[in-house]
Amino acid sequence: MLVLRYYHQLSERETAEVLGCSPGTVKSRAARGLAALRTQGFLVTVSEEKGRSDD
């Protein structure tokens, strides 16, 4: 879902069509996936990245 949505830059509707689900499912699952990646340290927010460069 994240690859289709962000790497391939598909809209929520387009991603839903490819996966055969609703746009709401795409939105909620993408949010959960991004949260999991942040929790595991694979993604950082812009403000976190700026704080690291100041060290």
C-alpha atoms as a PDB file:
ATOM      1  CA  MET A   1       0.000   0.000   0.000  1.00  0.00           C
ATOM      2  CA  LEU A   2       2.739   2.479   0.914  1.00  0.00           C
ATOM      3  CA  VAL A   3       4.715   1.707  -2.235  1.00  0.00           C
ATOM      4  CA  LEU A   4       1.696   2.289  -4.451  1.00  0.00           C
ATOM      5  CA  ARG A   5       0.552   5.359  -2.560  1.00  0.00           C
ATOM      6  CA  TYR A   6       3.861   7.189  -2.114  1.00  0.00           C
ATOM      7  CA  TYR A   7       6.576   5.635  -4.298  1.00  0.00           C
ATOM      8  CA  HIS A   8       4.332   5.280  -7.357  1.00  0.00           C
ATOM      9  CA  GLN A   9       2.465   8.462  -6.346  1.00  0.00           C
ATOM     10  CA  LEU A  10      -1.007   7.031  -6.830  1.00  0.00           C
ATOM     11  CA  SER A  11      -3.977   8.801  -5.292  1.00  0.00           C
ATOM     12  CA  GLU A  12      -6.004   7.119  -2.558  1.00  0.00           C
ATOM     13  CA  ARG A  13      -8.653   6.308  -5.157  1.00  0.00           C
ATOM     14  CA  GLU A  14      -6.147   4.850  -7.633  1.00  0.00           C
ATOM     15  CA  THR A  15      -4.472   2.785  -4.915  1.00  0.00           C
ATOM     16  CA  ALA A  16      -7.873   1.483  -3.804  1.00  0.00           C
ATOM     17  CA  GLU A  17      -8.714   0.457  -7.361  1.00  0.00           C
ATOM     18  CA  VAL A  18      -5.438  -1.453  -7.748  1.00  0.00           C
ATOM     19  CA  LEU A  19      -5.895  -3.232  -4.407  1.00  0.00           C
ATOM     20  CA  GLY A  20      -9.643  -3.769  -4.689  1.00  0.00           C
ATOM     21  CA  CYS A  21     -10.531  -1.956  -1.479  1.00  0.00           C
ATOM     22  CA  SER A  22     -12.110   1.339  -0.470  1.00  0.00           C
ATOM     23  CA  PRO A  23     -10.244   4.661  -0.406  1.00  0.00           C
ATOM     24  CA  GLY A  24     -10.953   4.810   3.330  1.00  0.00           C
ATOM     25  CA  THR A  25      -9.089   1.540   3.807  1.00  0.00           C
ATOM     26  CA  VAL A  26      -6.134   2.943   1.868  1.00  0.00           C
ATOM     27  CA  LYS A  27      -6.120   6.060   4.035  1.00  0.00           C
ATOM     28  CA  SER A  28      -6.289   4.208   7.360  1.00  0.00           C
ATOM     29  CA  ARG A  29      -3.815   1.468   6.421  1.00  0.00           C
ATOM     30  CA  ALA A  30      -1.330   3.969   5.004  1.00  0.00           C
ATOM     31  CA  ALA A  31      -1.517   5.961   8.241  1.00  0.00           C
ATOM     32  CA  ARG A  32      -0.924   2.810  10.285  1.00  0.00           C
ATOM     33  CA  GLY A  33       1.975   1.774   8.063  1.00  0.00           C
ATOM     34  CA  LEU A  34       3.662   5.162   8.295  1.00  0.00           C
ATOM     35  CA  ALA A  35       3.184   5.209  12.073  1.00  0.00           C
ATOM     36  CA  ALA A  36       4.778   1.762  12.344  1.00  0.00           C
ATOM     37  CA  LEU A  37       7.760   2.858  10.236  1.00  0.00           C
ATOM     38  CA  ARG A  38       8.222   5.955  12.419  1.00  0.00           C
ATOM     39  CA  THR A  39       7.995   3.889  15.609  1.00  0.00           C
ATOM     40  CA  GLN A  40      10.690   1.538  14.324  1.00  0.00           C
ATOM     41  CA  GLY A  41      12.945   4.460  13.377  1.00  0.00           C
ATOM     42  CA  PHE A  42      12.735   3.951   9.609  1.00  0.00           C
ATOM     43  CA  LEU A  43      11.126   7.369   9.075  1.00  0.00           C
ATOM     44  CA  VAL A  44      11.721  10.668  10.795  1.00  0.00           C
ATOM     45  CA  THR A  45       9.766  13.897  10.568  1.00  0.00           C
ATOM     46  CA  VAL A  46      11.352  17.019   9.138  1.00  0.00           C
ATOM     47  CA  SER A  47      11.557  18.585  12.605  1.00  0.00           C
ATOM     48  CA  GLU A  48      13.347  15.482  13.949  1.00  0.00           C
ATOM     49  CA  GLU A  49      15.822  15.583  11.065  1.00  0.00           C
ATOM     50  CA  LYS A  50      16.591  19.272  11.654  1.00  0.00           C
ATOM     51  CA  GLY A  51      17.261  18.532  15.336  1.00  0.00           C
ATOM     52  CA  ARG A  52      19.753  15.829  14.393  1.00  0.00           C
ATOM     53  CA  SER A  53      21.742  18.091  12.070  1.00  0.00           C
ATOM     54  CA  ASP A  54      22.180  20.640  14.865  1.00  0.00           C
ATOM     55  CA  ASP A  55      24.095  18.128  17.026  1.00  0.00           C
END
